[in-house]
mmCIF file of all heavy atoms, coordinates in Angstrom:
data_MODEL
# 
_entry.id   MODEL 
# 
loop_
_atom_site.group_PDB 
_atom_site.id 
_atom_site.type_symbol 
_atom_site.label_atom_id 
_atom_site.label_alt_id 
_atom_site.label_comp_id 
_atom_site.label_asym_id 
_atom_site.label_entity_id 
_atom_site.label_seq_id 
_atom_site.pdbx_PDB_ins_code 
_atom_site.Cartn_x 
_atom_site.Cartn_y 
_atom_site.Cartn_z 
_atom_site.occupancy 
_atom_site.B_iso_or_equiv 
_atom_site.pdbx_formal_charge 
_atom_site.auth_seq_id 
_atom_site.auth_comp_id 
_atom_site.auth_asym_id 
_atom_site.auth_atom_id 
_atom_site.pdbx_PDB_model_num 
ATOM 1   N N   . GLU A 1 1  ? 80.412 -2.461  108.411 1.00 0.00 ? 1  GLU A N   1 
ATOM 2   C CA  . GLU A 1 1  ? 80.440 -1.068  107.940 1.00 0.00 ? 1  GLU A CA  1 
ATOM 3   C C   . GLU A 1 1  ? 81.856 -0.600  107.664 1.00 0.00 ? 1  GLU A C   1 
ATOM 4   O O   . GLU A 1 1  ? 82.113 0.092   106.669 1.00 0.00 ? 1  GLU A O   1 
ATOM 5   C CB  . GLU A 1 1  ? 79.783 -0.151  108.971 1.00 0.00 ? 1  GLU A CB  1 
ATOM 6   C CG  . GLU A 1 1  ? 78.292 0.035   108.809 1.00 0.00 ? 1  GLU A CG  1 
ATOM 7   C CD  . GLU A 1 1  ? 77.775 1.184   109.639 1.00 0.00 ? 1  GLU A CD  1 
ATOM 8   O OE1 . GLU A 1 1  ? 77.615 0.994   110.849 1.00 0.00 ? 1  GLU A OE1 1 
ATOM 9   O OE2 . GLU A 1 1  ? 77.546 2.269   109.076 1.00 0.00 ? 1  GLU A OE2 1 
ATOM 10  N N   . GLU A 1 2  ? 82.795 -0.946  108.549 1.00 0.00 ? 2  GLU A N   1 
ATOM 11  C CA  . GLU A 1 2  ? 84.181 -0.519  108.370 1.00 0.00 ? 2  GLU A CA  1 
ATOM 12  C C   . GLU A 1 2  ? 84.795 -1.138  107.129 1.00 0.00 ? 2  GLU A C   1 
ATOM 13  O O   . GLU A 1 2  ? 85.503 -0.468  106.364 1.00 0.00 ? 2  GLU A O   1 
ATOM 14  C CB  . GLU A 1 2  ? 85.003 -0.889  109.614 1.00 0.00 ? 2  GLU A CB  1 
ATOM 15  C CG  . GLU A 1 2  ? 84.697 -0.033  110.824 1.00 0.00 ? 2  GLU A CG  1 
ATOM 16  C CD  . GLU A 1 2  ? 85.399 -0.526  112.072 1.00 0.00 ? 2  GLU A CD  1 
ATOM 17  O OE1 . GLU A 1 2  ? 85.758 -1.721  112.128 1.00 0.00 ? 2  GLU A OE1 1 
ATOM 18  O OE2 . GLU A 1 2  ? 85.594 0.283   112.999 1.00 0.00 ? 2  GLU A OE2 1 
ATOM 19  N N   . PHE A 1 3  ? 84.536 -2.432  106.917 1.00 0.00 ? 3  PHE A N   1 
ATOM 20  C CA  . PHE A 1 3  ? 85.094 -3.089  105.735 1.00 0.00 ? 3  PHE A CA  1 
ATOM 21  C C   . PHE A 1 3  ? 84.480 -2.516  104.461 1.00 0.00 ? 3  PHE A C   1 
ATOM 22  O O   . PHE A 1 3  ? 85.179 -2.298  103.465 1.00 0.00 ? 3  PHE A O   1 
ATOM 23  C CB  . PHE A 1 3  ? 84.871 -4.599  105.793 1.00 0.00 ? 3  PHE A CB  1 
ATOM 24  C CG  . PHE A 1 3  ? 85.675 -5.360  104.777 1.00 0.00 ? 3  PHE A CG  1 
ATOM 25  C CD1 . PHE A 1 3  ? 86.970 -5.754  105.059 1.00 0.00 ? 3  PHE A CD1 1 
ATOM 26  C CD2 . PHE A 1 3  ? 85.154 -5.647  103.527 1.00 0.00 ? 3  PHE A CD2 1 
ATOM 27  C CE1 . PHE A 1 3  ? 87.729 -6.439  104.110 1.00 0.00 ? 3  PHE A CE1 1 
ATOM 28  C CE2 . PHE A 1 3  ? 85.899 -6.338  102.574 1.00 0.00 ? 3  PHE A CE2 1 
ATOM 29  C CZ  . PHE A 1 3  ? 87.188 -6.736  102.870 1.00 0.00 ? 3  PHE A CZ  1 
ATOM 30  N N   . ASP A 1 4  ? 83.174 -2.262  104.486 1.00 0.00 ? 4  ASP A N   1 
ATOM 31  C CA  . ASP A 1 4  ? 82.507 -1.679  103.315 1.00 0.00 ? 4  ASP A CA  1 
ATOM 32  C C   . ASP A 1 4  ? 83.053 -0.290  103.004 1.00 0.00 ? 4  ASP A C   1 
ATOM 33  O O   . ASP A 1 4  ? 83.189 0.096   101.841 1.00 0.00 ? 4  ASP A O   1 
ATOM 34  C CB  . ASP A 1 4  ? 80.995 -1.617  103.534 1.00 0.00 ? 4  ASP A CB  1 
ATOM 35  C CG  . ASP A 1 4  ? 80.350 -3.000  103.528 1.00 0.00 ? 4  ASP A CG  1 
ATOM 36  O OD1 . ASP A 1 4  ? 81.006 -3.955  103.079 1.00 0.00 ? 4  ASP A OD1 1 
ATOM 37  O OD2 . ASP A 1 4  ? 79.190 -3.111  103.970 1.00 0.00 ? 4  ASP A OD2 1 
ATOM 38  N N   . TYR A 1 5  ? 83.362 0.473   104.053 1.00 0.00 ? 5  TYR A N   1 
ATOM 39  C CA  . TYR A 1 5  ? 83.934 1.813   103.896 1.00 0.00 ? 5  TYR A CA  1 
ATOM 40  C C   . TYR A 1 5  ? 85.296 1.718   103.213 1.00 0.00 ? 5  TYR A C   1 
ATOM 41  O O   . TYR A 1 5  ? 85.593 2.452   102.264 1.00 0.00 ? 5  TYR A O   1 
ATOM 42  C CB  . TYR A 1 5  ? 84.069 2.475   105.268 1.00 0.00 ? 5  TYR A CB  1 
ATOM 43  C CG  . TYR A 1 5  ? 84.504 3.928   105.250 1.00 0.00 ? 5  TYR A CG  1 
ATOM 44  C CD1 . TYR A 1 5  ? 83.570 4.954   105.325 1.00 0.00 ? 5  TYR A CD1 1 
ATOM 45  C CD2 . TYR A 1 5  ? 85.858 4.268   105.178 1.00 0.00 ? 5  TYR A CD2 1 
ATOM 46  C CE1 . TYR A 1 5  ? 83.964 6.292   105.340 1.00 0.00 ? 5  TYR A CE1 1 
ATOM 47  C CE2 . TYR A 1 5  ? 86.263 5.595   105.183 1.00 0.00 ? 5  TYR A CE2 1 
ATOM 48  C CZ  . TYR A 1 5  ? 85.311 6.605   105.264 1.00 0.00 ? 5  TYR A CZ  1 
ATOM 49  O OH  . TYR A 1 5  ? 85.710 7.927   105.262 1.00 0.00 ? 5  TYR A OH  1 
ATOM 50  N N   . LEU A 1 6  ? 86.126 0.780   103.702 1.00 0.00 ? 6  LEU A N   1 
ATOM 51  C CA  . LEU A 1 6  ? 87.444 0.566   103.105 1.00 0.00 ? 6  LEU A CA  1 
ATOM 52  C C   . LEU A 1 6  ? 87.317 0.099   101.666 1.00 0.00 ? 6  LEU A C   1 
ATOM 53  O O   . LEU A 1 6  ? 88.002 0.603   100.762 1.00 0.00 ? 6  LEU A O   1 
ATOM 54  C CB  . LEU A 1 6  ? 88.221 -0.466  103.922 1.00 0.00 ? 6  LEU A CB  1 
ATOM 55  C CG  . LEU A 1 6  ? 89.570 -0.937  103.363 1.00 0.00 ? 6  LEU A CG  1 
ATOM 56  C CD1 . LEU A 1 6  ? 90.546 0.223   103.269 1.00 0.00 ? 6  LEU A CD1 1 
ATOM 57  C CD2 . LEU A 1 6  ? 90.151 -2.061  104.238 1.00 0.00 ? 6  LEU A CD2 1 
ATOM 58  N N   . ALA A 1 7  ? 86.416 -0.866  101.423 1.00 0.00 ? 7  ALA A N   1 
ATOM 59  C CA  . ALA A 1 7  ? 86.251 -1.425  100.082 1.00 0.00 ? 7  ALA A CA  1 
ATOM 60  C C   . ALA A 1 7  ? 85.764 -0.364  99.098  1.00 0.00 ? 7  ALA A C   1 
ATOM 61  O O   . ALA A 1 7  ? 86.194 -0.325  97.940  1.00 0.00 ? 7  ALA A O   1 
ATOM 62  C CB  . ALA A 1 7  ? 85.269 -2.590  100.126 1.00 0.00 ? 7  ALA A CB  1 
ATOM 63  N N   . LYS A 1 8  ? 84.865 0.495   99.557  1.00 0.00 ? 8  LYS A N   1 
ATOM 64  C CA  . LYS A 1 8  ? 84.336 1.548   98.691  1.00 0.00 ? 8  LYS A CA  1 
ATOM 65  C C   . LYS A 1 8  ? 85.451 2.493   98.238  1.00 0.00 ? 8  LYS A C   1 
ATOM 66  O O   . LYS A 1 8  ? 85.515 2.893   97.072  1.00 0.00 ? 8  LYS A O   1 
ATOM 67  C CB  . LYS A 1 8  ? 83.250 2.337   99.424  1.00 0.00 ? 8  LYS A CB  1 
ATOM 68  C CG  . LYS A 1 8  ? 82.583 3.410   98.584  1.00 0.00 ? 8  LYS A CG  1 
ATOM 69  C CD  . LYS A 1 8  ? 81.515 4.144   99.386  1.00 0.00 ? 8  LYS A CD  1 
ATOM 70  C CE  . LYS A 1 8  ? 80.877 5.260   98.568  1.00 0.00 ? 8  LYS A CE  1 
ATOM 71  N NZ  . LYS A 1 8  ? 79.858 5.999   99.357  1.00 0.00 ? 8  LYS A NZ  1 
ATOM 72  N N   . ASP A 1 9  ? 86.346 2.828   99.176  1.00 0.00 ? 9  ASP A N   1 
ATOM 73  C CA  . ASP A 1 9  ? 87.474 3.695   98.830  1.00 0.00 ? 9  ASP A CA  1 
ATOM 74  C C   . ASP A 1 9  ? 88.432 2.994   97.873  1.00 0.00 ? 9  ASP A C   1 
ATOM 75  O O   . ASP A 1 9  ? 88.902 3.587   96.890  1.00 0.00 ? 9  ASP A O   1 
ATOM 76  C CB  . ASP A 1 9  ? 88.229 4.111   100.093 1.00 0.00 ? 9  ASP A CB  1 
ATOM 77  C CG  . ASP A 1 9  ? 87.577 5.282   100.805 1.00 0.00 ? 9  ASP A CG  1 
ATOM 78  O OD1 . ASP A 1 9  ? 86.596 5.834   100.258 1.00 0.00 ? 9  ASP A OD1 1 
ATOM 79  O OD2 . ASP A 1 9  ? 88.023 5.642   101.906 1.00 0.00 ? 9  ASP A OD2 1 
ATOM 80  N N   . LEU A 1 10 ? 88.727 1.725   98.155  1.00 0.00 ? 10 LEU A N   1 
ATOM 81  C CA  . LEU A 1 10 ? 89.671 0.990   97.327  1.00 0.00 ? 10 LEU A CA  1 
ATOM 82  C C   . LEU A 1 10 ? 89.134 0.748   95.918  1.00 0.00 ? 10 LEU A C   1 
ATOM 83  O O   . LEU A 1 10 ? 89.902 0.718   94.954  1.00 0.00 ? 10 LEU A O   1 
ATOM 84  C CB  . LEU A 1 10 ? 90.027 -0.345  97.982  1.00 0.00 ? 10 LEU A CB  1 
ATOM 85  C CG  . LEU A 1 10 ? 90.857 -0.273  99.264  1.00 0.00 ? 10 LEU A CG  1 
ATOM 86  C CD1 . LEU A 1 10 ? 91.100 -1.670  99.822  1.00 0.00 ? 10 LEU A CD1 1 
ATOM 87  C CD2 . LEU A 1 10 ? 92.182 0.436   99.022  1.00 0.00 ? 10 LEU A CD2 1 
ATOM 88  N N   . LYS A 1 11 ? 87.818 0.595   95.802  1.00 0.00 ? 11 LYS A N   1 
ATOM 89  C CA  . LYS A 1 11 ? 87.235 0.339   94.485  1.00 0.00 ? 11 LYS A CA  1 
ATOM 90  C C   . LYS A 1 11 ? 87.544 1.472   93.506  1.00 0.00 ? 11 LYS A C   1 
ATOM 91  O O   . LYS A 1 11 ? 87.690 1.252   92.296  1.00 0.00 ? 11 LYS A O   1 
ATOM 92  C CB  . LYS A 1 11 ? 85.723 0.156   94.610  1.00 0.00 ? 11 LYS A CB  1 
ATOM 93  C CG  . LYS A 1 11 ? 85.065 -0.245  93.280  1.00 0.00 ? 11 LYS A CG  1 
ATOM 94  C CD  . LYS A 1 11 ? 83.555 -0.369  93.394  1.00 0.00 ? 11 LYS A CD  1 
ATOM 95  C CE  . LYS A 1 11 ? 82.936 -0.759  92.052  1.00 0.00 ? 11 LYS A CE  1 
ATOM 96  N NZ  . LYS A 1 11 ? 81.456 -0.809  92.114  1.00 0.00 ? 11 LYS A NZ  1 
ATOM 97  N N   . LEU A 1 12 ? 87.674 2.691   94.040  1.00 0.00 ? 12 LEU A N   1 
ATOM 98  C CA  . LEU A 1 12 ? 87.945 3.850   93.184  1.00 0.00 ? 12 LEU A CA  1 
ATOM 99  C C   . LEU A 1 12 ? 89.301 3.746   92.490  1.00 0.00 ? 12 LEU A C   1 
ATOM 100 O O   . LEU A 1 12 ? 89.508 4.355   91.431  1.00 0.00 ? 12 LEU A O   1 
ATOM 101 C CB  . LEU A 1 12 ? 87.893 5.140   94.020  1.00 0.00 ? 12 LEU A CB  1 
ATOM 102 C CG  . LEU A 1 12 ? 86.551 5.481   94.669  1.00 0.00 ? 12 LEU A CG  1 
ATOM 103 C CD1 . LEU A 1 12 ? 86.705 6.690   95.588  1.00 0.00 ? 12 LEU A CD1 1 
ATOM 104 C CD2 . LEU A 1 12 ? 85.483 5.746   93.609  1.00 0.00 ? 12 LEU A CD2 1 
ATOM 105 N N   . ILE A 1 13 ? 90.223 2.974   93.084  1.00 0.00 ? 13 ILE A N   1 
ATOM 106 C CA  . ILE A 1 13 ? 91.579 2.907   92.522  1.00 0.00 ? 13 ILE A CA  1 
ATOM 107 C C   . ILE A 1 13 ? 91.990 1.477   92.172  1.00 0.00 ? 13 ILE A C   1 
ATOM 108 O O   . ILE A 1 13 ? 93.134 1.241   91.783  1.00 0.00 ? 13 ILE A O   1 
ATOM 109 C CB  . ILE A 1 13 ? 92.617 3.510   93.494  1.00 0.00 ? 13 ILE A CB  1 
ATOM 110 C CG1 . ILE A 1 13 ? 92.563 2.816   94.859  1.00 0.00 ? 13 ILE A CG1 1 
ATOM 111 C CG2 . ILE A 1 13 ? 92.389 5.013   93.656  1.00 0.00 ? 13 ILE A CG2 1 
ATOM 112 C CD1 . ILE A 1 13 ? 93.655 3.274   95.813  1.00 0.00 ? 13 ILE A CD1 1 
ATOM 113 N N   . LEU A 1 14 ? 91.059 0.531   92.281  1.00 0.00 ? 14 LEU A N   1 
ATOM 114 C CA  . LEU A 1 14 ? 91.391 -0.860  91.986  1.00 0.00 ? 14 LEU A CA  1 
ATOM 115 C C   . LEU A 1 14 ? 91.675 -1.072  90.508  1.00 0.00 ? 14 LEU A C   1 
ATOM 116 O O   . LEU A 1 14 ? 90.972 -0.556  89.651  1.00 0.00 ? 14 LEU A O   1 
ATOM 117 C CB  . LEU A 1 14 ? 90.246 -1.790  92.392  1.00 0.00 ? 14 LEU A CB  1 
ATOM 118 C CG  . LEU A 1 14 ? 90.174 -2.270  93.842  1.00 0.00 ? 14 LEU A CG  1 
ATOM 119 C CD1 . LEU A 1 14 ? 89.055 -3.301  93.983  1.00 0.00 ? 14 LEU A CD1 1 
ATOM 120 C CD2 . LEU A 1 14 ? 91.481 -2.893  94.286  1.00 0.00 ? 14 LEU A CD2 1 
ATOM 121 N N   . ASP A 1 15 ? 92.682 -1.853  90.222  1.00 0.00 ? 15 ASP A N   1 
ATOM 122 C CA  . ASP A 1 15 ? 92.967 -2.328  88.879  1.00 0.00 ? 15 ASP A CA  1 
ATOM 123 C C   . ASP A 1 15 ? 92.754 -3.838  88.911  1.00 0.00 ? 15 ASP A C   1 
ATOM 124 O O   . ASP A 1 15 ? 93.444 -4.542  89.665  1.00 0.00 ? 15 ASP A O   1 
ATOM 125 C CB  . ASP A 1 15 ? 94.412 -1.998  88.493  1.00 0.00 ? 15 ASP A CB  1 
ATOM 126 C CG  . ASP A 1 15 ? 94.723 -2.335  87.046  1.00 0.00 ? 15 ASP A CG  1 
ATOM 127 O OD1 . ASP A 1 15 ? 94.296 -3.430  86.597  1.00 0.00 ? 15 ASP A OD1 1 
ATOM 128 O OD2 . ASP A 1 15 ? 95.412 -1.557  86.380  1.00 0.00 ? 15 ASP A OD2 1 
ATOM 129 N N   . PRO A 1 16 ? 91.811 -4.381  88.140  1.00 0.00 ? 16 PRO A N   1 
ATOM 130 C CA  . PRO A 1 16 ? 91.495 -5.811  88.201  1.00 0.00 ? 16 PRO A CA  1 
ATOM 131 C C   . PRO A 1 16 ? 92.702 -6.725  87.984  1.00 0.00 ? 16 PRO A C   1 
ATOM 132 O O   . PRO A 1 16 ? 92.706 -7.860  88.470  1.00 0.00 ? 16 PRO A O   1 
ATOM 133 C CB  . PRO A 1 16 ? 90.465 -5.990  87.084  1.00 0.00 ? 16 PRO A CB  1 
ATOM 134 C CG  . PRO A 1 16 ? 89.846 -4.641  86.899  1.00 0.00 ? 16 PRO A CG  1 
ATOM 135 C CD  . PRO A 1 16 ? 90.951 -3.670  87.180  1.00 0.00 ? 16 PRO A CD  1 
ATOM 136 N N   . GLU A 1 17 ? 93.716 -6.250  87.262  1.00 0.00 ? 17 GLU A N   1 
ATOM 137 C CA  . GLU A 1 17 ? 94.907 -7.070  87.038  1.00 0.00 ? 17 GLU A CA  1 
ATOM 138 C C   . GLU A 1 17 ? 95.652 -7.357  88.335  1.00 0.00 ? 17 GLU A C   1 
ATOM 139 O O   . GLU A 1 17 ? 96.432 -8.305  88.423  1.00 0.00 ? 17 GLU A O   1 
ATOM 140 C CB  . GLU A 1 17 ? 95.855 -6.369  86.056  1.00 0.00 ? 17 GLU A CB  1 
ATOM 141 C CG  . GLU A 1 17 ? 95.278 -6.169  84.666  1.00 0.00 ? 17 GLU A CG  1 
ATOM 142 C CD  . GLU A 1 17 ? 95.059 -7.489  83.935  1.00 0.00 ? 17 GLU A CD  1 
ATOM 143 O OE1 . GLU A 1 17 ? 95.850 -8.426  84.167  1.00 0.00 ? 17 GLU A OE1 1 
ATOM 144 O OE2 . GLU A 1 17 ? 94.086 -7.580  83.169  1.00 0.00 ? 17 GLU A OE2 1 
ATOM 145 N N   . PHE A 1 18 ? 95.412 -6.527  89.353  1.00 0.00 ? 18 PHE A N   1 
ATOM 146 C CA  . PHE A 1 18 ? 96.138 -6.655  90.609  1.00 0.00 ? 18 PHE A CA  1 
ATOM 147 C C   . PHE A 1 18 ? 95.214 -6.948  91.789  1.00 0.00 ? 18 PHE A C   1 
ATOM 148 O O   . PHE A 1 18 ? 95.625 -6.814  92.947  1.00 0.00 ? 18 PHE A O   1 
ATOM 149 C CB  . PHE A 1 18 ? 96.934 -5.373  90.888  1.00 0.00 ? 18 PHE A CB  1 
ATOM 150 C CG  . PHE A 1 18 ? 97.892 -5.016  89.784  1.00 0.00 ? 18 PHE A CG  1 
ATOM 151 C CD1 . PHE A 1 18 ? 97.776 -3.809  89.110  1.00 0.00 ? 18 PHE A CD1 1 
ATOM 152 C CD2 . PHE A 1 18 ? 98.907 -5.878  89.414  1.00 0.00 ? 18 PHE A CD2 1 
ATOM 153 C CE1 . PHE A 1 18 ? 98.653 -3.475  88.086  1.00 0.00 ? 18 PHE A CE1 1 
ATOM 154 C CE2 . PHE A 1 18 ? 99.790 -5.558  88.398  1.00 0.00 ? 18 PHE A CE2 1 
ATOM 155 C CZ  . PHE A 1 18 ? 99.666 -4.350  87.729  1.00 0.00 ? 18 PHE A CZ  1 
ATOM 156 N N   . ALA A 1 19 ? 93.967 -7.322  91.522  1.00 0.00 ? 19 ALA A N   1 
ATOM 157 C CA  . ALA A 1 19 ? 93.012 -7.666  92.577  1.00 0.00 ? 19 ALA A CA  1 
ATOM 158 C C   . ALA A 1 19 ? 92.515 -9.080  92.312  1.00 0.00 ? 19 ALA A C   1 
ATOM 159 O O   . ALA A 1 19 ? 91.659 -9.304  91.453  1.00 0.00 ? 19 ALA A O   1 
ATOM 160 C CB  . ALA A 1 19 ? 91.852 -6.677  92.592  1.00 0.00 ? 19 ALA A CB  1 
ATOM 161 N N   . LEU A 1 20 ? 93.075 -10.053 93.023  1.00 0.00 ? 20 LEU A N   1 
ATOM 162 C CA  . LEU A 1 20 ? 92.856 -11.463 92.717  1.00 0.00 ? 20 LEU A CA  1 
ATOM 163 C C   . LEU A 1 20 ? 92.278 -12.212 93.915  1.00 0.00 ? 20 LEU A C   1 
ATOM 164 O O   . LEU A 1 20 ? 92.564 -11.870 95.071  1.00 0.00 ? 20 LEU A O   1 
ATOM 165 C CB  . LEU A 1 20 ? 94.176 -12.122 92.321  1.00 0.00 ? 20 LEU A CB  1 
ATOM 166 C CG  . LEU A 1 20 ? 94.987 -11.432 91.213  1.00 0.00 ? 20 LEU A CG  1 
ATOM 167 C CD1 . LEU A 1 20 ? 96.362 -12.081 91.091  1.00 0.00 ? 20 LEU A CD1 1 
ATOM 168 C CD2 . LEU A 1 20 ? 94.254 -11.491 89.887  1.00 0.00 ? 20 LEU A CD2 1 
ATOM 169 N N   . VAL A 1 21 ? 91.474 -13.231 93.623  1.00 0.00 ? 21 VAL A N   1 
ATOM 170 C CA  . VAL A 1 21 ? 90.952 -14.098 94.677  1.00 0.00 ? 21 VAL A CA  1 
ATOM 171 C C   . VAL A 1 21 ? 91.203 -15.556 94.301  1.00 0.00 ? 21 VAL A C   1 
ATOM 172 O O   . VAL A 1 21 ? 91.293 -15.908 93.124  1.00 0.00 ? 21 VAL A O   1 
ATOM 173 C CB  . VAL A 1 21 ? 89.442 -13.878 94.917  1.00 0.00 ? 21 VAL A CB  1 
ATOM 174 C CG1 . VAL A 1 21 ? 89.163 -12.446 95.339  1.00 0.00 ? 21 VAL A CG1 1 
ATOM 175 C CG2 . VAL A 1 21 ? 88.630 -14.241 93.690  1.00 0.00 ? 21 VAL A CG2 1 
ATOM 176 N N   . ALA A 1 22 ? 91.327 -16.396 95.321  1.00 0.00 ? 22 ALA A N   1 
ATOM 177 C CA  . ALA A 1 22 ? 91.357 -17.846 95.143  1.00 0.00 ? 22 ALA A CA  1 
ATOM 178 C C   . ALA A 1 22 ? 90.017 -18.372 95.633  1.00 0.00 ? 22 ALA A C   1 
ATOM 179 O O   . ALA A 1 22 ? 89.583 -18.038 96.738  1.00 0.00 ? 22 ALA A O   1 
ATOM 180 C CB  . ALA A 1 22 ? 92.504 -18.461 95.937  1.00 0.00 ? 22 ALA A CB  1 
ATOM 181 N N   . GLU A 1 23 ? 89.386 -19.189 94.812  1.00 0.00 ? 23 GLU A N   1 
ATOM 182 C CA  . GLU A 1 23 ? 88.018 -19.621 95.092  1.00 0.00 ? 23 GLU A CA  1 
ATOM 183 C C   . GLU A 1 23 ? 87.905 -21.141 94.957  1.00 0.00 ? 23 GLU A C   1 
ATOM 184 O O   . GLU A 1 23 ? 88.428 -21.726 94.013  1.00 0.00 ? 23 GLU A O   1 
ATOM 185 C CB  . GLU A 1 23 ? 87.066 -18.923 94.119  1.00 0.00 ? 23 GLU A CB  1 
ATOM 186 C CG  . GLU A 1 23 ? 85.598 -19.064 94.437  1.00 0.00 ? 23 GLU A CG  1 
ATOM 187 C CD  . GLU A 1 23 ? 84.766 -18.194 93.494  1.00 0.00 ? 23 GLU A CD  1 
ATOM 188 O OE1 . GLU A 1 23 ? 84.874 -18.384 92.262  1.00 0.00 ? 23 GLU A OE1 1 
ATOM 189 O OE2 . GLU A 1 23 ? 84.032 -17.323 93.976  1.00 0.00 ? 23 GLU A OE2 1 
ATOM 190 N N   . GLN A 1 24 ? 87.237 -21.749 95.911  1.00 0.00 ? 24 GLN A N   1 
ATOM 191 C CA  . GLN A 1 24 ? 86.971 -23.191 95.849  1.00 0.00 ? 24 GLN A CA  1 
ATOM 192 C C   . GLN A 1 24 ? 85.460 -23.419 95.931  1.00 0.00 ? 24 GLN A C   1 
ATOM 193 O O   . GLN A 1 24 ? 84.829 -23.096 96.938  1.00 0.00 ? 24 GLN A O   1 
ATOM 194 C CB  . GLN A 1 24 ? 87.664 -23.942 96.991  1.00 0.00 ? 24 GLN A CB  1 
ATOM 195 C CG  . GLN A 1 24 ? 87.463 -25.458 96.923  1.00 0.00 ? 24 GLN A CG  1 
ATOM 196 C CD  . GLN A 1 24 ? 88.036 -26.167 98.136  1.00 0.00 ? 24 GLN A CD  1 
ATOM 197 O OE1 . GLN A 1 24 ? 87.694 -25.844 99.267  1.00 0.00 ? 24 GLN A OE1 1 
ATOM 198 N NE2 . GLN A 1 24 ? 88.925 -27.141 97.896  1.00 0.00 ? 24 GLN A NE2 1 
ATOM 199 N N   . ASP A 1 25 ? 84.903 -23.950 94.862  1.00 0.00 ? 25 ASP A N   1 
ATOM 200 C CA  . ASP A 1 25 ? 83.462 -24.245 94.812  1.00 0.00 ? 25 ASP A CA  1 
ATOM 201 C C   . ASP A 1 25 ? 82.622 -23.038 95.241  1.00 0.00 ? 25 ASP A C   1 
ATOM 202 O O   . ASP A 1 25 ? 81.669 -23.160 96.017  1.00 0.00 ? 25 ASP A O   1 
ATOM 203 C CB  . ASP A 1 25 ? 83.143 -25.446 95.713  1.00 0.00 ? 25 ASP A CB  1 
ATOM 204 C CG  . ASP A 1 25 ? 83.898 -26.701 95.279  1.00 0.00 ? 25 ASP A CG  1 
ATOM 205 O OD1 . ASP A 1 25 ? 84.089 -26.881 94.059  1.00 0.00 ? 25 ASP A OD1 1 
ATOM 206 O OD2 . ASP A 1 25 ? 84.301 -27.477 96.156  1.00 0.00 ? 25 ASP A OD2 1 
ATOM 207 N N   . GLY A 1 26 ? 83.000 -21.864 94.739  1.00 0.00 ? 26 GLY A N   1 
ATOM 208 C CA  . GLY A 1 26 ? 82.231 -20.660 95.019  1.00 0.00 ? 26 GLY A CA  1 
ATOM 209 C C   . GLY A 1 26 ? 82.593 -19.956 96.313  1.00 0.00 ? 26 GLY A C   1 
ATOM 210 O O   . GLY A 1 26 ? 82.087 -18.866 96.596  1.00 0.00 ? 26 GLY A O   1 
# 
């Protein structure tokens, strides 16, 4: 719940150019 709360707030101001993930086989 806490992480979802944080993520929901951050989504409002996220710019995809600066939100990156490293992924291996999904």
